[in-house]
Amino acid sequence: MLRQTPASPLLSLPGAVPAEAPDEGVAAHYGDLFREQRALADGSGFVDLSHRGVVTVTGAERLSWLHLLLTQHVSDLAPGHATEALILSAHGHIEHAVYLVDDGETTWMHTEPGSQEALIAYLESMKFFYRVEVADRTDEIAVVHLPAGSITEAPGNAVVRETAHGRDLFLPRTDLESFAAAKGPAIGVLALEALRVEAHRPRLGLETDHRTIPHELGWIGTAVHLQKGCYRGQETVARVHNLGKPPRRLVFLHLDGSEVHLPPHGTPVRLASDGEEGRQLGFITTSARHHELGPIALALVKRNVPVDAPLMAGGTAAAQETVVEP
């Protein structure tokens, strides 16, 4: 069972509506979803991600040790350089996704809400004689996201992880309310999720299930380095990359805007020509209402689904765009 982080104090802000799983503990929105999306897309405001797990690794051998465990090349990770990585099972299935930055003394990472204990348990089991210390910092450190284009200055006591999609701040949890008062407006996670879906970016636990491999989601190259040394699951990664194709592929869907309800996670995806009783070819992973595109979704479908085939998500018509090539 995942341990839930205490609810964010920012849920007391005017208009705050609590988010549902897997984002319990922070606000889904603060009263105007599309206004919040537009602000985020324009580089304004911040998103409270204080429900996410925060883990640190210290010690002189931290980067060389992590390099052995992660799918990403991190042995020479420069201070301040952001990256992302996966931890795979022995069969190459995705178990953890971590978002990292090193400040020269400590490697900081955030991960899915409540998953930090399982991540730490794995890391601890792999320490052996390496001079490293792993710590759960979730109760003292909050993650805050500033969108791409934001001119907001990060507080001096925050560790900054900067990417093309924005900056993640590792901020003392005690400073969260004062940060919100000075750097607002606060924006809910639904706005960030809509922009994530638009950008075709996968998320562990939504775009993944127990048998997902990185190739299916387009994580090769961004979270998986193909030229680094061995790590658990590397044989599967190399074999599929060099000799075959993944069994499924991520697609982006434009959904019929006349439908009142969005198809939830797990909704079956079928060929439109087969109707609602046709053979299931995949499932919805994340759906969202976008301020410009309308209802959109990501879905994981069988590789051999024709790229131009009209689809149905439950009873909702869907037009697909290719994210991962078949």
Protein backbone atom coordinates (compact mmCIF):
# COMPACT_ATOMS: atom_id res chain seq x y z
CA MET A 1 0.00 0.00 0.00
CA LEU A 2 1.34 3.44 -0.94
CA ARG A 3 1.98 5.87 1.89
CA GLN A 4 0.13 9.13 1.32
CA THR A 5 1.86 12.44 1.98
CA PRO A 6 -0.07 14.79 4.32
CA ALA A 7 -2.45 17.13 2.51
CA SER A 8 -0.93 20.35 1.22
CA PRO A 9 -1.64 23.52 3.18
CA LEU A 10 -2.42 25.16 -0.17
CA LEU A 11 -5.73 23.27 -0.21
CA SER A 12 -6.91 26.08 2.09
CA LEU A 13 -6.49 28.66 -0.71
CA PRO A 14 -9.74 30.16 -2.09
CA GLY A 15 -11.44 27.94 -4.69
CA ALA A 16 -9.21 24.91 -4.10
CA VAL A 17 -10.80 21.61 -5.16
CA PRO A 18 -8.94 18.48 -3.97
CA ALA A 19 -7.49 16.21 -6.64
CA GLU A 20 -8.39 12.55 -6.98
CA ALA A 21 -6.06 9.55 -7.29
CA PRO A 22 -3.20 9.43 -7.99
CA ASP A 23 -2.84 13.08 -6.99
CA GLU A 24 -4.60 13.17 -3.64
CA GLY A 25 -3.25 15.77 -1.25
CA VAL A 26 -2.98 18.72 -3.64
CA ALA A 27 -5.49 20.81 -5.60
CA ALA A 28 -7.01 19.62 -8.86
CA HIS A 29 -7.84 23.25 -9.65
CA TYR A 30 -8.63 26.53 -7.94
CA GLY A 31 -11.97 27.26 -9.60
CA ASP A 32 -11.20 27.91 -13.27
CA LEU A 33 -9.51 25.02 -15.06
CA PHE A 34 -9.09 26.66 -18.48
CA ARG A 35 -7.85 29.96 -17.07
CA GLU A 36 -5.25 28.00 -15.10
CA GLN A 37 -4.21 26.08 -18.22
CA ARG A 38 -3.79 29.27 -20.22
CA ALA A 39 -1.72 30.85 -17.45
CA LEU A 40 0.51 27.78 -17.24
CA ALA A 41 0.94 27.66 -21.03
CA ASP A 42 1.91 31.35 -20.94
CA GLY A 43 4.54 30.77 -18.27
CA SER A 44 2.62 32.15 -15.29
CA GLY A 45 1.95 30.78 -11.83
CA PHE A 46 3.15 27.56 -10.25
CA VAL A 47 1.83 24.05 -9.58
CA ASP A 48 1.88 22.53 -6.11
CA LEU A 49 3.36 19.02 -6.45
CA SER A 50 4.07 18.60 -2.74
CA HIS A 51 2.38 15.19 -2.80
CA ARG A 52 5.23 13.70 -4.86
CA GLY A 53 7.89 11.57 -3.19
CA VAL A 54 11.32 13.14 -2.65
CA VAL A 55 14.44 10.98 -2.26
CA THR A 56 18.06 12.06 -1.90
CA VAL A 57 21.31 10.17 -2.30
CA THR A 58 24.53 11.45 -0.76
CA GLY A 59 28.08 10.17 -0.61
CA ALA A 60 31.16 10.34 -2.80
CA GLU A 61 30.11 7.32 -4.86
CA ARG A 62 26.45 8.32 -5.38
CA LEU A 63 26.60 8.97 -9.14
CA SER A 64 28.73 5.95 -10.04
CA TRP A 65 26.41 3.80 -7.89
CA LEU A 66 23.21 5.19 -9.41
CA HIS A 67 24.71 4.70 -12.85
CA LEU A 68 24.68 0.94 -12.22
CA LEU A 69 20.99 0.90 -11.27
CA LEU A 70 19.29 3.39 -13.58
CA THR A 71 18.56 3.32 -17.31
CA GLN A 72 20.16 6.73 -17.70
CA HIS A 73 23.86 7.67 -17.99
CA VAL A 74 24.50 9.56 -14.74
CA SER A 75 28.10 8.72 -13.77
CA ASP A 76 29.26 12.12 -15.06
CA LEU A 77 26.09 14.07 -14.31
CA ALA A 78 27.12 17.72 -13.98
CA PRO A 79 25.79 19.81 -11.10
CA GLY A 80 22.51 21.46 -12.05
CA HIS A 81 21.94 19.26 -15.11
CA ALA A 82 18.48 17.67 -15.04
CA THR A 83 17.70 14.21 -16.33
CA GLU A 84 15.11 11.45 -15.91
CA ALA A 85 15.57 7.72 -15.56
CA LEU A 86 13.78 4.44 -15.01
CA ILE A 87 14.30 1.40 -12.85
CA LEU A 88 13.31 -1.81 -14.62
CA SER A 89 12.55 -5.33 -13.54
CA ALA A 90 14.78 -8.19 -14.64
CA HIS A 91 12.42 -8.66 -17.59
CA GLY A 92 12.63 -5.00 -18.64
CA HIS A 93 9.25 -3.87 -17.25
CA ILE A 94 9.10 -0.37 -15.79
CA GLU A 95 9.01 -0.27 -11.99
CA HIS A 96 10.02 3.32 -11.16
CA ALA A 97 10.44 6.62 -12.97
CA VAL A 98 12.63 9.22 -11.29
CA TYR A 99 13.36 12.85 -12.13
CA LEU A 100 16.84 13.85 -11.02
CA VAL A 101 19.25 16.68 -10.51
CA ASP A 102 22.57 16.74 -8.65
CA ASP A 103 23.76 19.84 -6.79
CA GLY A 104 27.39 18.74 -6.51
CA GLU A 105 26.93 17.09 -3.12
CA THR A 106 23.49 15.47 -3.23
CA THR A 107 21.42 13.79 -5.92
CA TRP A 108 17.79 14.91 -5.63
CA MET A 109 14.95 13.01 -7.22
CA HIS A 110 11.18 13.09 -7.16
CA THR A 111 8.89 10.24 -8.00
CA GLU A 112 5.22 9.27 -8.07
CA PRO A 113 3.17 10.01 -4.93
CA GLY A 114 3.58 7.33 -2.30
CA SER A 115 6.10 5.27 -4.28
CA GLN A 116 9.20 6.57 -2.52
CA GLU A 117 9.20 3.83 0.12
CA ALA A 118 9.36 1.06 -2.47
CA LEU A 119 12.04 2.99 -4.37
CA ILE A 120 14.11 3.44 -1.22
CA ALA A 121 13.72 -0.23 -0.31
CA TYR A 122 15.16 -1.21 -3.69
CA LEU A 123 18.00 1.30 -3.47
CA GLU A 124 18.88 0.15 0.04
CA SER A 125 18.98 -3.46 -1.11
CA MET A 126 21.57 -2.53 -3.74
CA LYS A 127 23.98 -0.53 -1.57
CA PHE A 128 26.39 -3.38 -0.80
CA PHE A 129 29.74 -1.73 0.02
CA TYR A 130 29.13 1.56 -1.77
CA ARG A 131 29.60 4.72 0.28
CA VAL A 132 26.14 6.18 -0.22
CA GLU A 133 23.24 7.21 1.97
CA VAL A 134 19.63 7.15 0.77
CA ALA A 135 17.00 9.28 2.52
CA ASP A 136 13.26 9.89 2.27
CA ARG A 137 12.88 13.69 2.30
CA THR A 138 9.19 13.81 1.43
CA ASP A 139 8.04 15.05 4.84
CA GLU A 140 10.42 18.02 4.79
CA ILE A 141 10.76 18.89 1.09
CA ALA A 142 7.97 19.86 -1.31
CA VAL A 143 8.16 19.83 -5.11
CA VAL A 144 6.86 22.94 -6.86
CA HIS A 145 6.67 23.27 -10.65
CA LEU A 146 7.28 26.52 -12.52
CA PRO A 147 6.22 26.37 -16.19
CA ALA A 148 8.50 26.94 -19.17
CA GLY A 149 8.89 30.66 -19.76
CA SER A 150 8.32 31.58 -16.13
CA ILE A 151 10.33 34.57 -14.91
CA THR A 152 9.71 33.71 -11.27
CA GLU A 153 12.96 33.60 -9.32
CA ALA A 154 13.58 30.45 -7.33
CA PRO A 155 14.21 31.00 -3.61
CA GLY A 156 17.84 30.76 -2.63
CA ASN A 157 17.21 27.71 -0.44
CA ALA A 158 15.56 25.70 -3.24
CA VAL A 159 17.28 23.08 -5.40
CA VAL A 160 16.30 23.69 -9.03
CA ARG A 161 15.75 21.04 -11.69
CA GLU A 162 15.38 22.85 -15.04
CA THR A 163 14.05 21.16 -18.19
CA ALA A 164 12.48 22.20 -21.48
CA HIS A 165 9.08 21.78 -19.82
CA GLY A 166 9.80 24.05 -16.88
CA ARG A 167 11.56 24.06 -13.52
CA ASP A 168 10.95 21.74 -10.60
CA LEU A 169 11.90 23.27 -7.26
CA PHE A 170 12.81 21.18 -4.22
CA LEU A 171 11.57 23.61 -1.58
CA PRO A 172 11.44 23.28 2.22
CA ARG A 173 7.88 22.26 3.00
CA THR A 174 7.68 24.92 5.72
CA ASP A 175 8.16 27.59 3.02
CA LEU A 176 5.30 26.40 0.80
CA GLU A 177 2.69 28.88 2.02
CA SER A 178 5.02 31.89 1.89
CA PHE A 179 6.14 30.84 -1.60
CA ALA A 180 2.50 30.70 -2.73
CA ALA A 181 1.77 34.13 -1.31
CA ALA A 182 4.75 35.66 -3.10
CA LYS A 183 4.87 33.70 -6.35
CA GLY A 184 1.23 32.91 -7.19
CA PRO A 185 -1.19 32.31 -8.68
CA ALA A 186 -1.42 28.67 -7.64
CA ILE A 187 -2.50 26.34 -10.46
CA GLY A 188 -3.98 22.88 -10.02
CA VAL A 189 -2.57 19.58 -11.25
CA LEU A 190 -5.34 19.11 -13.84
CA ALA A 191 -3.90 22.00 -15.84
CA LEU A 192 -0.44 20.48 -15.73
CA GLU A 193 -1.84 17.07 -16.70
CA ALA A 194 -3.62 18.55 -19.73
CA LEU A 195 -0.37 20.10 -20.95
CA ARG A 196 1.44 16.83 -20.29
CA VAL A 197 -1.05 14.94 -22.45
CA GLU A 198 -0.72 17.58 -25.17
CA ALA A 199 3.07 17.10 -25.08
CA HIS A 200 2.70 13.28 -25.30
CA ARG A 201 4.71 12.79 -22.11
CA PRO A 202 4.10 9.49 -20.27
CA ARG A 203 3.58 9.15 -16.56
CA LEU A 204 4.28 6.08 -14.46
CA GLY A 205 1.13 4.38 -13.21
CA LEU A 206 -1.07 6.01 -15.84
CA GLU A 207 0.62 5.22 -19.14
CA THR A 208 2.18 2.09 -17.62
CA ASP A 209 0.93 -1.23 -16.32
CA HIS A 210 2.78 -4.26 -14.93
CA ARG A 211 4.17 -5.27 -18.33
CA THR A 212 5.07 -1.93 -19.93
CA ILE A 213 8.55 -1.63 -21.46
CA PRO A 214 10.18 1.75 -22.22
CA HIS A 215 9.94 1.43 -26.03
CA GLU A 216 6.13 1.45 -25.90
CA LEU A 217 6.01 4.96 -24.44
CA GLY A 218 8.82 6.73 -26.27
CA TRP A 219 11.07 6.73 -23.21
CA ILE A 220 14.04 5.50 -25.25
CA GLY A 221 16.47 8.40 -25.50
CA THR A 222 14.85 10.60 -22.88
CA ALA A 223 14.94 8.23 -19.90
CA VAL A 224 16.88 5.29 -21.36
CA HIS A 225 20.47 5.66 -22.58
CA LEU A 226 21.26 2.96 -25.13
CA GLN A 227 25.05 3.20 -24.95
CA LYS A 228 25.62 2.95 -21.21
CA GLY A 229 26.72 -0.17 -19.35
CA CYS A 230 24.64 -2.93 -17.83
CA TYR A 231 21.66 -2.43 -15.55
CA ARG A 232 18.74 -4.63 -14.58
CA GLY A 233 16.46 -5.18 -17.57
CA GLN A 234 19.06 -3.96 -20.08
CA GLU A 235 18.96 -7.17 -22.11
CA THR A 236 15.27 -6.66 -22.91
CA VAL A 237 15.87 -3.03 -23.85
CA ALA A 238 18.70 -3.94 -26.22
CA ARG A 239 16.90 -6.92 -27.75
CA VAL A 240 13.73 -4.99 -28.57
CA HIS A 241 15.68 -2.00 -29.85
CA ASN A 242 17.98 -4.05 -32.08
CA LEU A 243 15.89 -7.02 -33.14
CA GLY A 244 12.20 -6.29 -32.81
CA LYS A 245 9.33 -3.96 -32.06
CA PRO A 246 7.44 -3.39 -28.83
CA PRO A 247 4.04 -5.12 -28.60
CA ARG A 248 2.19 -1.86 -27.91
CA ARG A 249 2.59 1.81 -28.72
CA LEU A 250 1.49 5.11 -27.20
CA VAL A 251 -0.96 7.21 -29.24
CA PHE A 252 -2.46 10.67 -28.82
CA LEU A 253 -6.22 10.95 -29.29
CA HIS A 254 -8.53 13.80 -30.22
CA LEU A 255 -11.84 12.86 -28.60
CA ASP A 256 -15.36 13.69 -29.74
CA GLY A 257 -16.13 17.01 -28.08
CA SER A 258 -19.86 16.41 -27.94
CA GLU A 259 -19.45 13.88 -25.13
CA VAL A 260 -20.09 15.22 -21.63
CA HIS A 261 -17.79 12.81 -19.79
CA LEU A 262 -14.14 12.04 -20.47
CA PRO A 263 -13.29 8.33 -20.80
CA PRO A 264 -11.43 7.42 -17.59
CA HIS A 265 -8.18 5.54 -17.24
CA GLY A 266 -8.63 1.95 -18.38
CA THR A 267 -11.46 2.62 -20.84
CA PRO A 268 -11.20 0.07 -23.69
CA VAL A 269 -10.05 1.31 -27.09
CA ARG A 270 -11.42 -0.41 -30.21
CA LEU A 271 -11.60 0.20 -33.94
CA ALA A 272 -14.53 2.50 -34.69
CA SER A 273 -15.57 0.19 -37.50
CA ASP A 274 -16.02 -2.66 -34.99
CA GLY A 275 -18.30 -0.68 -32.66
CA GLU A 276 -18.51 -0.94 -28.89
CA GLU A 277 -18.66 -4.75 -29.00
CA GLY A 278 -15.49 -5.11 -31.06
CA ARG A 279 -12.20 -6.57 -29.89
CA GLN A 280 -10.31 -4.44 -27.39
CA LEU A 281 -7.04 -3.16 -28.87
CA GLY A 282 -5.83 -1.00 -26.02
CA PHE A 283 -6.93 1.32 -23.24
CA ILE A 284 -7.09 4.98 -22.30
CA THR A 285 -4.21 5.95 -20.03
CA THR A 286 -4.95 9.65 -19.39
CA SER A 287 -7.71 11.93 -20.64
CA ALA A 288 -8.03 15.68 -20.20
CA ARG A 289 -9.90 18.78 -21.31
CA HIS A 290 -7.51 21.13 -23.07
CA HIS A 291 -8.13 24.88 -23.29
CA GLU A 292 -7.46 24.90 -27.06
CA LEU A 293 -7.70 21.31 -28.31
CA GLY A 294 -10.80 20.28 -26.39
CA PRO A 295 -11.00 16.73 -25.03
CA ILE A 296 -7.78 14.80 -25.60
CA ALA A 297 -6.20 11.60 -24.33
CA LEU A 298 -3.24 9.28 -24.40
CA ALA A 299 -3.81 5.59 -25.01
CA LEU A 300 -1.73 2.44 -25.21
CA VAL A 301 -2.74 0.28 -28.17
CA LYS A 302 -1.46 -2.82 -29.94
CA ARG A 303 1.40 -2.06 -32.31
CA ASN A 304 -0.43 -3.36 -35.40
CA VAL A 305 -3.40 -0.98 -35.05
CA PRO A 306 -3.37 1.03 -38.33
CA VAL A 307 -2.06 4.54 -37.67
CA ASP A 308 -4.90 6.14 -39.64
CA ALA A 309 -7.74 4.03 -38.24
CA PRO A 310 -10.59 5.89 -36.47
CA LEU A 311 -10.93 4.55 -32.93
CA MET A 312 -13.53 4.37 -30.17
CA ALA A 313 -12.71 4.98 -26.50
CA GLY A 314 -15.64 3.29 -24.86
CA GLY A 315 -18.49 5.03 -26.64
CA THR A 316 -16.45 8.11 -27.60
CA ALA A 317 -15.12 8.60 -31.12
CA ALA A 318 -11.37 9.24 -31.27
CA ALA A 319 -8.92 10.29 -34.00
CA GLN A 320 -5.36 9.18 -33.37
CA GLU A 321 -1.96 10.79 -33.83
CA THR A 322 1.19 8.69 -33.76
CA VAL A 323 3.46 9.12 -30.74
CA VAL A 324 5.47 5.89 -30.98
CA GLU A 325 5.97 4.54 -34.49
CA PRO A 326 4.58 1.03 -35.10
